[in-house]
Amino acid sequence: MLRDRTGPGLKKPPRAAPAKRPPTQRQLRVAEEIRHVLAGVFARHEFRDPELASADITVTEVRLSPDLKNATVFVARLGRSDIDALLPALARAAAYLRGVVAHALPLRVAPALSFQPDHTIDQAAAIETLLHRPEVARDLGPER
């Protein structure tokens, strides 16, 4: 007779969290194509919205869901840190941008676009500033 090993005195071992899989080659390729299409639209300022028509927006990265139905677009403004103020305008333009992507790429379903600010450029500039401070440069200099 087999005994149940999870009785009142024994606990089940905790289950490990499922490992997050890296993006597939197809996800990466389609995401890069979407980035190129959106970057072209932003470079040509093809918007009716006055907030977006005058803004210089850079698309730094696009991440696609495994089913290619949702895309997260990371955007930044070079030299400025006010991208958060443009997120509502980008959300309003998401349907238009999805249509542009649908016409430009031969996909079965155009992905829904959501926009997130990309602050890595600001963080890199802050680190660069820290590394050039005199007390840090002294510590990073050649040993005597």
N, C-alpha and C. Protein backbone atom coordinates (compact mmCIF):
# COMPACT_ATOMS: atom_id res chain seq x y z
N MET A 1 0.84 -1.16 0.00
CA MET A 1 0.00 0.00 0.00
C MET A 1 0.89 1.24 0.00
N LEU A 2 0.59 2.19 -0.89
CA LEU A 2 1.37 3.41 -0.99
C LEU A 2 0.83 4.45 -0.03
N ARG A 3 1.76 5.19 0.54
CA ARG A 3 1.36 6.24 1.48
C ARG A 3 1.44 7.60 0.78
N ASP A 4 0.53 8.43 1.14
CA ASP A 4 0.55 9.79 0.64
C ASP A 4 1.63 10.55 1.40
N ARG A 5 2.62 11.06 0.69
CA ARG A 5 3.75 11.75 1.33
C ARG A 5 3.44 13.22 1.61
N THR A 6 2.25 13.64 1.34
CA THR A 6 1.88 15.02 1.61
C THR A 6 0.83 15.07 2.71
N GLY A 7 0.96 14.24 3.64
CA GLY A 7 -0.01 14.18 4.74
C GLY A 7 0.07 15.40 5.62
N PRO A 8 -0.56 15.36 6.78
CA PRO A 8 -0.65 16.53 7.63
C PRO A 8 0.71 17.02 8.11
N GLY A 9 1.69 16.17 8.26
CA GLY A 9 2.98 16.60 8.78
C GLY A 9 3.98 16.96 7.71
N LEU A 10 3.69 16.63 6.44
CA LEU A 10 4.64 16.89 5.36
C LEU A 10 4.09 17.95 4.41
N LYS A 11 4.99 18.79 3.95
CA LYS A 11 4.60 19.84 3.00
C LYS A 11 5.13 19.48 1.63
N LYS A 12 4.44 19.95 0.62
CA LYS A 12 4.93 19.78 -0.74
C LYS A 12 6.11 20.72 -0.95
N PRO A 13 7.09 20.27 -1.71
CA PRO A 13 8.20 21.19 -1.99
C PRO A 13 7.70 22.33 -2.87
N PRO A 14 8.25 23.51 -2.68
CA PRO A 14 7.80 24.65 -3.49
C PRO A 14 8.13 24.43 -4.96
N ARG A 15 7.20 24.85 -5.82
CA ARG A 15 7.43 24.72 -7.26
C ARG A 15 8.27 25.89 -7.73
N ALA A 16 9.18 25.60 -8.59
CA ALA A 16 10.02 26.66 -9.16
C ALA A 16 9.19 27.46 -10.15
N ALA A 17 9.48 28.74 -10.21
CA ALA A 17 8.80 29.60 -11.17
C ALA A 17 9.20 29.18 -12.57
N PRO A 18 8.27 29.22 -13.51
CA PRO A 18 8.63 28.83 -14.87
C PRO A 18 9.69 29.78 -15.43
N ALA A 19 10.65 29.21 -16.10
CA ALA A 19 11.73 30.02 -16.66
C ALA A 19 11.20 30.84 -17.84
N LYS A 20 11.60 32.09 -17.88
CA LYS A 20 11.18 32.96 -18.97
C LYS A 20 12.04 32.65 -20.18
N ARG A 21 11.38 32.38 -21.27
CA ARG A 21 12.10 32.01 -22.48
C ARG A 21 12.58 33.26 -23.21
N PRO A 22 13.74 33.18 -23.81
CA PRO A 22 14.21 34.33 -24.60
C PRO A 22 13.35 34.45 -25.86
N PRO A 23 13.33 35.64 -26.47
CA PRO A 23 12.53 35.80 -27.69
C PRO A 23 13.08 34.95 -28.83
N THR A 24 12.17 34.49 -29.66
CA THR A 24 12.56 33.68 -30.81
C THR A 24 13.14 34.58 -31.90
N GLN A 25 13.76 33.97 -32.90
CA GLN A 25 14.30 34.74 -34.02
C GLN A 25 13.20 35.47 -34.76
N ARG A 26 12.03 34.83 -34.88
CA ARG A 26 10.90 35.49 -35.56
C ARG A 26 10.45 36.72 -34.77
N GLN A 27 10.34 36.60 -33.45
CA GLN A 27 9.96 37.75 -32.63
C GLN A 27 10.95 38.89 -32.81
N LEU A 28 12.22 38.59 -32.77
CA LEU A 28 13.25 39.62 -32.91
C LEU A 28 13.21 40.28 -34.28
N ARG A 29 13.03 39.46 -35.33
CA ARG A 29 13.00 39.98 -36.69
C ARG A 29 11.79 40.88 -36.92
N VAL A 30 10.61 40.43 -36.49
CA VAL A 30 9.39 41.22 -36.67
C VAL A 30 9.46 42.49 -35.82
N ALA A 31 9.98 42.39 -34.60
CA ALA A 31 10.10 43.56 -33.74
C ALA A 31 11.01 44.61 -34.37
N GLU A 32 12.09 44.17 -34.98
CA GLU A 32 13.00 45.12 -35.63
C GLU A 32 12.33 45.78 -36.84
N GLU A 33 11.54 45.01 -37.58
CA GLU A 33 10.80 45.59 -38.71
C GLU A 33 9.79 46.63 -38.23
N ILE A 34 9.10 46.33 -37.15
CA ILE A 34 8.14 47.29 -36.58
C ILE A 34 8.87 48.55 -36.12
N ARG A 35 10.03 48.37 -35.52
CA ARG A 35 10.82 49.52 -35.06
C ARG A 35 11.19 50.42 -36.24
N HIS A 36 11.59 49.82 -37.35
CA HIS A 36 11.95 50.60 -38.54
C HIS A 36 10.76 51.35 -39.10
N VAL A 37 9.61 50.70 -39.17
CA VAL A 37 8.40 51.35 -39.69
C VAL A 37 8.02 52.53 -38.80
N LEU A 38 7.99 52.32 -37.49
CA LEU A 38 7.61 53.39 -36.57
C LEU A 38 8.63 54.52 -36.57
N ALA A 39 9.90 54.19 -36.65
CA ALA A 39 10.93 55.23 -36.69
C ALA A 39 10.76 56.11 -37.93
N GLY A 40 10.38 55.50 -39.05
CA GLY A 40 10.13 56.28 -40.26
C GLY A 40 8.95 57.22 -40.10
N VAL A 41 7.89 56.75 -39.46
CA VAL A 41 6.72 57.59 -39.23
C VAL A 41 7.08 58.76 -38.32
N PHE A 42 7.81 58.48 -37.26
CA PHE A 42 8.21 59.55 -36.33
C PHE A 42 9.18 60.53 -36.99
N ALA A 43 10.03 60.05 -37.87
CA ALA A 43 10.99 60.93 -38.54
C ALA A 43 10.28 61.88 -39.51
N ARG A 44 9.21 61.39 -40.17
CA ARG A 44 8.47 62.21 -41.13
C ARG A 44 7.39 63.08 -40.48
N HIS A 45 7.17 62.90 -39.18
CA HIS A 45 6.16 63.68 -38.43
C HIS A 45 4.78 63.57 -39.08
N GLU A 46 4.33 62.36 -39.36
CA GLU A 46 3.05 62.12 -40.03
C GLU A 46 1.90 62.05 -39.04
N PHE A 47 1.69 63.10 -38.26
CA PHE A 47 0.65 63.09 -37.25
C PHE A 47 -0.23 64.32 -37.36
N ARG A 48 -1.50 64.14 -37.06
CA ARG A 48 -2.41 65.27 -36.97
C ARG A 48 -2.36 65.90 -35.59
N ASP A 49 -1.99 65.11 -34.61
CA ASP A 49 -1.90 65.58 -33.23
C ASP A 49 -0.76 66.58 -33.11
N PRO A 50 -1.03 67.83 -32.70
CA PRO A 50 0.04 68.82 -32.63
C PRO A 50 1.14 68.48 -31.63
N GLU A 51 0.80 67.72 -30.59
CA GLU A 51 1.84 67.33 -29.63
C GLU A 51 2.88 66.43 -30.28
N LEU A 52 2.43 65.52 -31.15
CA LEU A 52 3.35 64.58 -31.78
C LEU A 52 3.98 65.14 -33.05
N ALA A 53 3.28 66.05 -33.72
CA ALA A 53 3.79 66.59 -34.98
C ALA A 53 5.08 67.38 -34.77
N SER A 54 5.22 67.99 -33.61
CA SER A 54 6.42 68.81 -33.36
C SER A 54 7.45 68.10 -32.50
N ALA A 55 7.19 66.86 -32.08
CA ALA A 55 8.10 66.16 -31.18
C ALA A 55 9.06 65.26 -31.96
N ASP A 56 10.31 65.26 -31.55
CA ASP A 56 11.31 64.35 -32.11
C ASP A 56 11.39 63.14 -31.20
N ILE A 57 10.81 62.03 -31.66
CA ILE A 57 10.71 60.81 -30.85
C ILE A 57 11.57 59.74 -31.48
N THR A 58 12.32 59.04 -30.66
CA THR A 58 13.16 57.94 -31.10
C THR A 58 12.59 56.63 -30.58
N VAL A 59 12.46 55.66 -31.46
CA VAL A 59 12.03 54.32 -31.06
C VAL A 59 13.29 53.52 -30.77
N THR A 60 13.50 53.20 -29.49
CA THR A 60 14.74 52.52 -29.11
C THR A 60 14.62 51.00 -29.19
N GLU A 61 13.43 50.47 -28.90
CA GLU A 61 13.27 49.01 -28.89
C GLU A 61 11.80 48.67 -29.03
N VAL A 62 11.53 47.51 -29.60
CA VAL A 62 10.18 46.95 -29.67
C VAL A 62 10.28 45.52 -29.17
N ARG A 63 9.40 45.17 -28.24
CA ARG A 63 9.33 43.80 -27.73
C ARG A 63 7.97 43.21 -28.07
N LEU A 64 7.98 42.04 -28.67
CA LEU A 64 6.75 41.38 -29.07
C LEU A 64 6.41 40.23 -28.15
N SER A 65 5.12 39.99 -27.97
CA SER A 65 4.67 38.82 -27.22
C SER A 65 4.92 37.58 -28.08
N PRO A 66 4.96 36.40 -27.48
CA PRO A 66 5.23 35.19 -28.26
C PRO A 66 4.21 34.93 -29.38
N ASP A 67 2.97 35.37 -29.20
CA ASP A 67 1.97 35.17 -30.25
C ASP A 67 1.95 36.31 -31.28
N LEU A 68 2.83 37.28 -31.15
CA LEU A 68 2.98 38.42 -32.05
C LEU A 68 1.74 39.31 -32.11
N LYS A 69 0.90 39.27 -31.10
CA LYS A 69 -0.32 40.07 -31.09
C LYS A 69 -0.18 41.36 -30.28
N ASN A 70 0.83 41.46 -29.44
CA ASN A 70 1.04 42.64 -28.61
C ASN A 70 2.49 43.08 -28.73
N ALA A 71 2.68 44.37 -28.90
CA ALA A 71 4.03 44.92 -29.00
C ALA A 71 4.18 46.06 -28.00
N THR A 72 5.27 46.03 -27.26
CA THR A 72 5.61 47.13 -26.37
C THR A 72 6.70 47.94 -27.06
N VAL A 73 6.42 49.21 -27.29
CA VAL A 73 7.34 50.09 -28.00
C VAL A 73 7.99 51.02 -26.98
N PHE A 74 9.30 50.98 -26.89
CA PHE A 74 10.05 51.84 -25.98
C PHE A 74 10.51 53.07 -26.75
N VAL A 75 10.14 54.23 -26.24
CA VAL A 75 10.43 55.49 -26.93
C VAL A 75 11.21 56.43 -26.02
N ALA A 76 11.97 57.33 -26.64
CA ALA A 76 12.76 58.32 -25.91
C ALA A 76 12.87 59.57 -26.75
N ARG A 77 13.27 60.64 -26.11
CA ARG A 77 13.58 61.90 -26.80
C ARG A 77 15.03 62.20 -26.51
N LEU A 78 15.83 62.23 -27.54
CA LEU A 78 17.26 62.46 -27.35
C LEU A 78 17.51 63.87 -26.83
N GLY A 79 18.29 63.95 -25.77
CA GLY A 79 18.63 65.23 -25.19
C GLY A 79 17.56 65.80 -24.27
N ARG A 80 16.44 65.13 -24.15
CA ARG A 80 15.35 65.62 -23.30
C ARG A 80 14.80 64.45 -22.49
N SER A 81 14.24 64.76 -21.35
CA SER A 81 13.72 63.69 -20.49
C SER A 81 12.21 63.84 -20.26
N ASP A 82 11.51 64.48 -21.19
CA ASP A 82 10.07 64.71 -21.01
C ASP A 82 9.21 63.76 -21.84
N ILE A 83 9.66 62.56 -22.07
CA ILE A 83 8.90 61.60 -22.87
C ILE A 83 7.62 61.17 -22.15
N ASP A 84 7.63 61.20 -20.81
CA ASP A 84 6.43 60.80 -20.06
C ASP A 84 5.23 61.67 -20.40
N ALA A 85 5.46 62.94 -20.74
CA ALA A 85 4.37 63.85 -21.07
C ALA A 85 3.74 63.49 -22.42
N LEU A 86 4.48 62.80 -23.28
CA LEU A 86 3.96 62.45 -24.60
C LEU A 86 3.25 61.10 -24.64
N LEU A 87 3.31 60.33 -23.56
CA LEU A 87 2.70 59.00 -23.57
C LEU A 87 1.19 59.03 -23.83
N PRO A 88 0.41 59.98 -23.26
CA PRO A 88 -1.02 60.01 -23.61
C PRO A 88 -1.26 60.28 -25.10
N ALA A 89 -0.46 61.15 -25.70
CA ALA A 89 -0.60 61.42 -27.12
C ALA A 89 -0.24 60.19 -27.95
N LEU A 90 0.78 59.46 -27.54
CA LEU A 90 1.15 58.23 -28.24
C LEU A 90 0.06 57.17 -28.11
N ALA A 91 -0.58 57.11 -26.95
CA ALA A 91 -1.69 56.16 -26.77
C ALA A 91 -2.85 56.52 -27.69
N ARG A 92 -3.10 57.82 -27.88
CA ARG A 92 -4.17 58.24 -28.80
C ARG A 92 -3.82 57.88 -30.24
N ALA A 93 -2.55 57.92 -30.59
CA ALA A 93 -2.12 57.63 -31.96
C ALA A 93 -1.85 56.16 -32.20
N ALA A 94 -2.03 55.31 -31.20
CA ALA A 94 -1.69 53.88 -31.33
C ALA A 94 -2.49 53.19 -32.43
N ALA A 95 -3.75 53.51 -32.59
CA ALA A 95 -4.56 52.88 -33.63
C ALA A 95 -4.06 53.26 -35.02
N TYR A 96 -3.73 54.53 -35.20
CA TYR A 96 -3.17 54.97 -36.49
C TYR A 96 -1.85 54.26 -36.77
N LEU A 97 -0.99 54.19 -35.77
CA LEU A 97 0.32 53.56 -35.96
C LEU A 97 0.18 52.06 -36.22
N ARG A 98 -0.80 51.44 -35.59
CA ARG A 98 -1.06 50.01 -35.85
C ARG A 98 -1.47 49.82 -37.31
N GLY A 99 -2.28 50.73 -37.84
CA GLY A 99 -2.66 50.65 -39.25
C GLY A 99 -1.48 50.81 -40.18
N VAL A 100 -0.57 51.72 -39.83
CA VAL A 100 0.64 51.91 -40.64
C VAL A 100 1.48 50.63 -40.64
N VAL A 101 1.62 50.02 -39.47
CA VAL A 101 2.38 48.76 -39.36
C VAL A 101 1.69 47.66 -40.16
N ALA A 102 0.36 47.61 -40.10
CA ALA A 102 -0.39 46.58 -40.82
C ALA A 102 -0.19 46.69 -42.33
N HIS A 103 -0.13 47.93 -42.85
CA HIS A 103 0.06 48.11 -44.29
C HIS A 103 1.51 47.87 -44.70
N ALA A 104 2.45 48.10 -43.81
CA ALA A 104 3.87 47.98 -44.16
C ALA A 104 4.40 46.56 -44.06
N LEU A 105 3.83 45.75 -43.19
CA LEU A 105 4.39 44.41 -42.94
C LEU A 105 3.37 43.33 -43.29
N PRO A 106 3.83 42.24 -43.88
CA PRO A 106 2.91 41.15 -44.24
C PRO A 106 2.65 40.21 -43.06
N LEU A 107 1.91 40.69 -42.08
CA LEU A 107 1.59 39.87 -40.91
C LEU A 107 0.11 39.49 -40.96
N ARG A 108 -0.21 38.35 -40.38
CA ARG A 108 -1.61 37.93 -40.33
C ARG A 108 -2.42 38.89 -39.46
N VAL A 109 -1.87 39.26 -38.31
CA VAL A 109 -2.52 40.19 -37.39
C VAL A 109 -1.52 41.27 -37.03
N ALA A 110 -1.93 42.51 -37.16
CA ALA A 110 -1.06 43.61 -36.74
C ALA A 110 -1.08 43.67 -35.22
N PRO A 111 0.07 43.78 -34.59
CA PRO A 111 0.10 43.78 -33.13
C PRO A 111 -0.47 45.07 -32.54
N ALA A 112 -1.10 44.94 -31.39
CA ALA A 112 -1.56 46.11 -30.63
C ALA A 112 -0.32 46.77 -30.04
N LEU A 113 -0.24 48.07 -30.16
CA LEU A 113 0.94 48.80 -29.72
C LEU A 113 0.68 49.48 -28.38
N SER A 114 1.61 49.30 -27.45
CA SER A 114 1.59 50.06 -26.20
C SER A 114 2.96 50.71 -26.06
N PHE A 115 2.97 51.91 -25.53
CA PHE A 115 4.20 52.70 -25.48
C PHE A 115 4.68 52.83 -24.04
N GLN A 116 6.00 52.68 -23.88
CA GLN A 116 6.65 52.81 -22.58
C GLN A 116 7.85 53.74 -22.74
N PRO A 117 8.12 54.55 -21.72
CA PRO A 117 9.30 55.42 -21.82
C PRO A 117 10.58 54.60 -21.64
N ASP A 118 11.60 54.98 -22.36
CA ASP A 118 12.90 54.33 -22.24
C ASP A 118 13.86 55.32 -21.60
N HIS A 119 14.19 55.07 -20.35
CA HIS A 119 15.06 55.99 -19.60
C HIS A 119 16.51 55.53 -19.59
N THR A 120 16.87 54.53 -20.38
CA THR A 120 18.25 54.03 -20.35
C THR A 120 19.24 55.08 -20.85
N ILE A 121 18.83 55.92 -21.78
CA ILE A 121 19.73 56.96 -22.28
C ILE A 121 20.03 57.96 -21.16
N ASP A 122 19.01 58.33 -20.40
CA ASP A 122 19.21 59.24 -19.27
C ASP A 122 20.11 58.61 -18.22
N GLN A 123 19.90 57.32 -17.95
CA GLN A 123 20.72 56.62 -16.96
C GLN A 123 22.16 56.53 -17.42
N ALA A 124 22.37 56.28 -18.70
CA ALA A 124 23.74 56.21 -19.23
C ALA A 124 24.44 57.56 -19.12
N ALA A 125 23.71 58.64 -19.37
CA ALA A 125 24.30 59.97 -19.24
C ALA A 125 24.65 60.28 -17.79
N ALA A 126 23.79 59.85 -16.85
CA ALA A 126 24.08 60.08 -15.44
C ALA A 126 25.32 59.29 -15.00
N ILE A 127 25.46 58.07 -15.46
CA ILE A 127 26.64 57.26 -15.12
C ILE A 127 27.89 57.89 -15.73
N GLU A 128 27.78 58.36 -16.96
CA GLU A 128 28.91 59.02 -17.61
C GLU A 128 29.35 60.25 -16.82
N THR A 129 28.39 61.02 -16.32
CA THR A 129 28.70 62.19 -15.51
C THR A 129 29.39 61.78 -14.22
N LEU A 130 28.91 60.73 -13.59
CA LEU A 130 29.53 60.25 -12.35
C LEU A 130 30.97 59.79 -12.59
N LEU A 131 31.21 59.10 -13.68
CA LEU A 131 32.55 58.59 -13.95
C LEU A 131 33.56 59.69 -14.23
N HIS A 132 33.08 60.85 -14.66
CA HIS A 132 34.00 61.95 -14.95
C HIS A 132 34.17 62.92 -13.79
N ARG A 133 33.60 62.62 -12.66
CA ARG A 133 33.82 63.46 -11.47
C ARG A 133 35.26 63.27 -11.01
N PRO A 134 35.89 64.31 -10.47
CA PRO A 134 37.31 64.23 -10.10
C PRO A 134 37.62 63.12 -9.09
N GLU A 135 36.77 62.94 -8.07
CA GLU A 135 37.07 61.92 -7.06
C GLU A 135 36.94 60.50 -7.63
N VAL A 136 36.08 60.30 -8.60
CA VAL A 136 35.96 58.98 -9.22
C VAL A 136 37.09 58.77 -10.21
N ALA A 137 37.42 59.80 -10.98
CA ALA A 137 38.52 59.70 -11.94
C ALA A 137 39.84 59.40 -11.23
N ARG A 138 40.01 59.98 -10.04
CA ARG A 138 41.22 59.72 -9.25
C ARG A 138 41.30 58.24 -8.88
N ASP A 139 40.16 57.65 -8.49
CA ASP A 139 40.15 56.25 -8.09
C ASP A 139 40.30 55.32 -9.31
N LEU A 140 39.87 55.76 -10.47
CA LEU A 140 39.96 54.93 -11.66
C LEU A 140 41.28 55.11 -12.39
N GLY A 141 42.10 56.07 -11.98
CA GLY A 141 43.36 56.37 -12.64
C GLY A 141 44.36 55.25 -12.47
N PRO A 142 45.52 55.38 -13.14
CA PRO A 142 46.55 54.33 -13.05
C PRO A 142 47.11 54.22 -11.63
N GLU A 143 47.43 53.01 -11.26
CA GLU A 143 47.99 52.76 -9.91
C GLU A 143 49.42 53.27 -9.85
N ARG A 144 49.81 53.80 -8.66
CA ARG A 144 51.17 54.31 -8.49
C ARG A 144 52.00 53.36 -7.72
